[in-house]
Amino acid sequence: MIFRSSKRSEDYWITVADLMAGLMVIFLFIAISYMIKVQKQYDAFVYLRKEYIEAQEAIAKQLETEFENDLKIWDAEIDKKTLAVIFLEPDIMFNKNEARIKPRFREILKDFFPRYIEALTSTSYVKNIAKVRIDGHSSPEWKINTPSKRAFQLNMDLSQRRASSVLTFVLDRVNGKNYDWVKDHVLAVGYSSSETVFDFKNNAVDKEASRRVEFRVVMNAQQLLYEIISGKLPEGFDSRKISDIDREEVESILKLRKIELEK
């Protein structure tokens, strides 16, 4: 009787041990799967950063090549970091406090915009473009004695109407294969005086430079980053194409970012 009880006890503990061993194997596979998933997501992030930089450089080069002979004539410049074509001379664009486009700027837009869209859509990185924003910007002031809050509101309305006027004007001059792309990607946004240009030499806002119109390319990197976090890998992603140099560069950036946040 005692012998049989011991035997049952041993059988019981053997069964429990087998069960625990089985669970450990399952948890091990889950842990390995999770590590593989995390590694893939990390490599996808490295891939995304590499592709984003390549796309940004390619689009900037395409725009510079297309407009290198026109920028000085138009009093415009290209910001390679933000992928913005910036028109800097407010006097040729609009009359003061008005949103109607002046004749000289109309002529510039007729020449500029079709070539601009052709340059963007002809690059192999067009898939990386989420939107093209026509940004209207203003200086902070309004009429004398206008409170700053009211001035900001009035400039918001003005900058939005100016950006919309430009969008309406250029839309009328796009036909054929590019029209649908423009309709789906180009929008107008007024920023009022929220992004003024600061003159560090004079320690003051540069009012003339602040009154500007920008055509800015917005990349889809943020959208793709959210997709990676949710488990979807970018199209064309292959972890074998990620070099150790690319990984080390991203790791160094993350370390620097961590140090900055800890300060």
Protein backbone atom coordinates (compact mmCIF):
# COMPACT_ATOMS: atom_id res chain seq x y z
CA MET A 1 0.00 0.00 0.00
CA ILE A 2 2.82 2.37 0.91
CA PHE A 3 4.75 1.25 -2.20
CA ARG A 4 1.80 1.99 -4.49
CA SER A 5 1.38 5.44 -2.96
CA SER A 6 5.05 6.30 -3.57
CA LYS A 7 4.75 5.09 -7.14
CA ARG A 8 1.74 7.29 -7.77
CA SER A 9 3.57 10.23 -6.21
CA GLU A 10 6.54 9.68 -8.48
CA ASP A 11 4.28 9.40 -11.52
CA TYR A 12 2.56 12.60 -10.47
CA TRP A 13 5.80 14.54 -10.17
CA ILE A 14 7.12 13.12 -13.44
CA THR A 15 3.95 14.34 -15.15
CA VAL A 16 4.30 17.80 -13.60
CA ALA A 17 7.99 17.92 -14.57
CA ASP A 18 7.12 16.95 -18.16
CA LEU A 19 4.44 19.62 -18.20
CA MET A 20 6.84 22.27 -16.90
CA ALA A 21 9.48 21.23 -19.43
CA GLY A 22 6.90 21.51 -22.18
CA LEU A 23 5.85 24.95 -20.98
CA MET A 24 9.48 26.06 -20.82
CA VAL A 25 9.96 24.99 -24.45
CA ILE A 26 6.82 26.91 -25.43
CA PHE A 27 7.97 30.02 -23.56
CA LEU A 28 11.39 29.67 -25.17
CA PHE A 29 9.84 29.60 -28.62
CA ILE A 30 7.68 32.62 -27.72
CA ALA A 31 10.75 34.50 -26.46
CA ILE A 32 12.74 33.63 -29.60
CA SER A 33 9.81 34.67 -31.81
CA TYR A 34 9.51 37.94 -29.91
CA MET A 35 13.25 38.63 -30.23
CA ILE A 36 13.12 37.89 -33.96
CA LYS A 37 10.13 40.24 -34.30
CA VAL A 38 11.88 43.00 -32.32
CA GLN A 39 15.05 42.55 -34.38
CA LYS A 40 13.05 42.75 -37.60
CA GLN A 41 11.32 45.91 -36.40
CA TYR A 42 14.67 47.44 -35.45
CA ASP A 43 16.18 46.52 -38.82
CA ALA A 44 13.07 47.94 -40.51
CA PHE A 45 13.63 51.19 -38.63
CA VAL A 46 17.27 51.26 -39.82
CA TYR A 47 16.08 50.53 -43.36
CA LEU A 48 13.48 53.29 -43.16
CA ARG A 49 16.02 55.87 -41.98
CA LYS A 50 18.45 54.90 -44.77
CA GLU A 51 15.75 55.07 -47.43
CA TYR A 52 14.42 58.36 -46.03
CA ILE A 53 17.88 59.97 -46.25
CA GLU A 54 18.40 58.65 -49.77
CA ALA A 55 14.96 59.90 -50.84
CA GLN A 56 15.51 63.33 -49.28
CA GLU A 57 18.89 63.75 -50.99
CA ALA A 58 17.55 62.54 -54.35
CA ILE A 59 14.54 64.88 -54.30
CA ALA A 60 16.67 67.86 -53.22
CA LYS A 61 19.14 67.15 -56.03
CA GLN A 62 16.31 66.82 -58.54
CA LEU A 63 14.88 70.21 -57.53
CA GLU A 64 18.29 71.91 -57.53
CA THR A 65 19.06 70.57 -60.99
CA GLU A 66 15.70 71.68 -62.35
CA PHE A 67 15.73 75.22 -60.91
CA GLU A 68 19.41 76.13 -60.48
CA ASN A 69 19.19 78.80 -63.21
CA ASP A 70 15.90 80.27 -61.99
CA LEU A 71 16.23 80.72 -58.22
CA LYS A 72 18.10 84.02 -58.31
CA ILE A 73 15.76 85.44 -60.93
CA TRP A 74 12.75 84.47 -58.83
CA ASP A 75 14.36 85.51 -55.53
CA ALA A 76 13.81 81.98 -54.27
CA GLU A 77 15.86 79.30 -52.54
CA ILE A 78 15.76 75.58 -51.82
CA ASP A 79 16.09 74.32 -48.25
CA LYS A 80 17.51 70.81 -48.64
CA LYS A 81 16.73 69.85 -45.04
CA THR A 82 13.01 70.61 -45.28
CA LEU A 83 12.70 70.07 -49.05
CA ALA A 84 11.09 73.47 -49.39
CA VAL A 85 11.22 75.83 -52.35
CA ILE A 86 10.88 79.23 -50.69
CA PHE A 87 9.79 82.41 -52.48
CA LEU A 88 11.31 85.26 -50.50
CA GLU A 89 10.16 88.50 -52.06
CA PRO A 90 6.73 89.47 -50.66
CA ASP A 91 6.39 92.58 -52.81
CA ILE A 92 6.18 90.57 -56.03
CA MET A 93 3.65 88.08 -54.60
CA PHE A 94 0.83 90.06 -52.97
CA ASN A 95 -0.20 93.57 -52.09
CA LYS A 96 -0.22 94.35 -48.40
CA ASN A 97 -3.10 92.64 -46.55
CA GLU A 98 -4.37 91.12 -49.80
CA ALA A 99 -4.53 87.56 -51.10
CA ARG A 100 -4.78 88.30 -54.82
CA ILE A 101 -1.65 87.12 -56.65
CA LYS A 102 0.26 89.90 -58.37
CA PRO A 103 1.10 89.62 -62.11
CA ARG A 104 4.83 88.97 -61.64
CA PHE A 105 4.23 86.07 -59.23
CA ARG A 106 1.58 84.66 -61.55
CA GLU A 107 4.15 84.47 -64.32
CA ILE A 108 6.64 82.80 -62.01
CA LEU A 109 4.08 80.22 -60.89
CA LYS A 110 3.13 79.44 -64.48
CA ASP A 111 6.74 78.55 -65.18
CA PHE A 112 7.57 76.99 -61.82
CA PHE A 113 4.70 74.71 -60.85
CA PRO A 114 4.39 72.37 -63.88
CA ARG A 115 8.17 71.83 -63.82
CA TYR A 116 8.09 71.37 -60.04
CA ILE A 117 5.46 68.62 -60.22
CA GLU A 118 7.24 66.95 -63.14
CA ALA A 119 10.50 66.96 -61.16
CA LEU A 120 8.83 65.36 -58.13
CA THR A 121 6.84 62.72 -59.97
CA SER A 122 9.72 61.70 -62.23
CA THR A 123 11.98 60.70 -59.35
CA SER A 124 11.99 57.06 -58.24
CA TYR A 125 11.31 58.30 -54.70
CA VAL A 126 7.89 59.72 -55.48
CA LYS A 127 6.44 56.85 -53.39
CA ASN A 128 8.09 58.44 -50.34
CA ILE A 129 6.15 61.69 -50.74
CA ALA A 130 3.10 61.93 -48.49
CA LYS A 131 2.03 65.49 -49.32
CA VAL A 132 3.19 68.72 -50.91
CA ARG A 133 2.20 71.73 -48.82
CA ILE A 134 1.83 75.24 -50.11
CA ASP A 135 2.62 77.15 -46.93
CA GLY A 136 1.59 80.75 -46.40
CA HIS A 137 3.61 82.68 -43.78
CA SER A 138 3.31 86.20 -42.40
CA SER A 139 5.16 88.59 -40.13
CA PRO A 140 3.71 89.17 -36.61
CA GLU A 141 2.42 92.71 -36.99
CA TRP A 142 -0.86 94.03 -38.38
CA LYS A 143 -2.12 97.59 -38.32
CA ILE A 144 -0.89 100.00 -35.63
CA ASN A 145 -2.32 99.35 -32.15
CA THR A 146 -3.72 95.94 -33.12
CA PRO A 147 -3.37 93.56 -30.11
CA SER A 148 -0.95 90.70 -30.78
CA LYS A 149 -3.62 88.02 -30.40
CA ARG A 150 -5.90 89.75 -32.88
CA ALA A 151 -2.97 90.34 -35.24
CA PHE A 152 -2.15 86.63 -35.17
CA GLN A 153 -5.76 85.74 -36.00
CA LEU A 154 -5.94 88.21 -38.86
CA ASN A 155 -2.62 87.00 -40.22
CA MET A 156 -3.85 83.41 -39.96
CA ASP A 157 -6.79 84.26 -42.16
CA LEU A 158 -4.58 86.20 -44.58
CA SER A 159 -1.88 83.52 -44.85
CA GLN A 160 -4.51 80.82 -45.43
CA ARG A 161 -6.22 82.85 -48.15
CA ARG A 162 -2.87 83.50 -49.84
CA ALA A 163 -1.88 79.82 -49.76
CA SER A 164 -5.32 78.87 -51.10
CA SER A 165 -5.05 81.48 -53.86
CA VAL A 166 -1.75 79.98 -54.96
CA LEU A 167 -3.18 76.44 -54.89
CA THR A 168 -6.24 77.49 -56.91
CA PHE A 169 -4.03 79.26 -59.45
CA VAL A 170 -1.61 76.36 -59.99
CA LEU A 171 -4.37 73.74 -60.11
CA ASP A 172 -5.82 75.49 -63.15
CA ARG A 173 -2.48 74.99 -64.91
CA VAL A 174 -2.02 71.27 -64.34
CA ASN A 175 -3.45 68.86 -66.89
CA GLY A 176 -3.02 65.30 -68.04
CA LYS A 177 -1.28 62.56 -66.08
CA ASN A 178 -0.13 64.85 -63.23
CA TYR A 179 -3.52 66.33 -62.34
CA ASP A 180 -4.75 63.39 -60.25
CA TRP A 181 -1.45 63.24 -58.38
CA VAL A 182 -1.60 66.98 -57.63
CA LYS A 183 -5.24 66.75 -56.55
CA ASP A 184 -4.43 63.93 -54.13
CA HIS A 185 -1.17 65.31 -52.73
CA VAL A 186 -1.07 69.12 -52.80
CA LEU A 187 -2.75 71.19 -50.08
CA ALA A 188 -2.64 74.78 -48.84
CA VAL A 189 -1.89 75.74 -45.23
CA GLY A 190 -1.71 79.15 -43.58
CA TYR A 191 0.68 79.49 -40.65
CA SER A 192 0.18 83.13 -39.75
CA SER A 193 3.29 84.26 -37.84
CA SER A 194 3.92 80.94 -36.08
CA GLU A 195 7.07 80.26 -38.11
CA THR A 196 8.75 83.63 -38.49
CA VAL A 197 12.35 84.04 -39.63
CA PHE A 198 14.62 85.35 -36.90
CA ASP A 199 17.50 87.71 -37.71
CA PHE A 200 20.20 86.79 -35.19
CA LYS A 201 22.44 89.62 -36.35
CA ASN A 202 19.89 92.24 -35.34
CA ASN A 203 18.28 90.09 -32.64
CA ALA A 204 14.80 90.60 -34.08
CA VAL A 205 12.21 89.01 -36.36
CA ASP A 206 13.01 89.53 -40.04
CA LYS A 207 9.63 90.83 -41.16
CA GLU A 208 10.40 90.75 -44.88
CA ALA A 209 11.77 87.19 -44.82
CA SER A 210 8.85 86.04 -42.66
CA ARG A 211 6.33 87.07 -45.34
CA ARG A 212 6.90 84.17 -47.71
CA VAL A 213 5.34 81.30 -49.63
CA GLU A 214 6.86 77.82 -49.51
CA PHE A 215 6.29 74.69 -51.55
CA ARG A 216 7.32 71.97 -49.11
CA VAL A 217 7.59 68.22 -49.64
CA VAL A 218 6.32 66.17 -46.69
CA MET A 219 7.78 62.67 -46.55
CA ASN A 220 5.80 59.61 -45.43
CA ALA A 221 8.46 58.44 -42.94
CA GLN A 222 6.23 59.03 -39.90
CA GLN A 223 3.39 57.01 -41.38
CA LEU A 224 5.75 54.13 -42.21
CA LEU A 225 7.22 54.29 -38.71
CA TYR A 226 3.76 53.80 -37.19
CA GLU A 227 3.22 50.84 -39.52
CA ILE A 228 6.51 49.26 -38.39
CA ILE A 229 5.50 49.67 -34.73
CA SER A 230 2.16 47.98 -35.48
CA GLY A 231 4.00 45.04 -37.08
CA LYS A 232 3.87 45.88 -40.80
CA LEU A 233 7.25 45.91 -42.54
CA PRO A 234 8.03 48.42 -45.32
CA GLU A 235 7.64 47.36 -48.94
CA GLY A 236 10.98 46.17 -50.30
CA PHE A 237 12.42 45.60 -46.83
CA ASP A 238 15.10 42.92 -46.58
CA SER A 239 17.07 42.62 -43.34
CA ARG A 240 19.97 41.10 -45.28
CA LYS A 241 20.48 44.46 -47.00
CA ILE A 242 21.04 46.22 -43.66
CA SER A 243 24.74 46.69 -43.05
CA ASP A 244 26.42 46.74 -39.65
CA ILE A 245 27.53 50.30 -40.44
CA ASP A 246 23.90 51.39 -40.83
CA ARG A 247 22.98 49.70 -37.54
CA GLU A 248 25.91 51.27 -35.70
CA GLU A 249 24.99 54.71 -37.04
CA VAL A 250 21.41 54.41 -35.81
CA GLU A 251 22.58 53.08 -32.44
CA SER A 252 24.91 56.05 -32.00
CA ILE A 253 22.06 58.44 -32.84
CA LEU A 254 19.77 56.73 -30.32
CA LYS A 255 22.47 56.89 -27.64
CA LEU A 256 22.98 60.60 -28.26
CA ARG A 257 19.22 61.14 -28.15
CA LYS A 258 19.05 59.28 -24.82
CA ILE A 259 21.84 61.43 -23.39
CA GLU A 260 20.03 64.61 -24.52
CA LEU A 261 16.78 63.45 -22.87
CA GLU A 262 18.58 62.61 -19.62
CA LYS A 263 20.15 66.08 -19.31
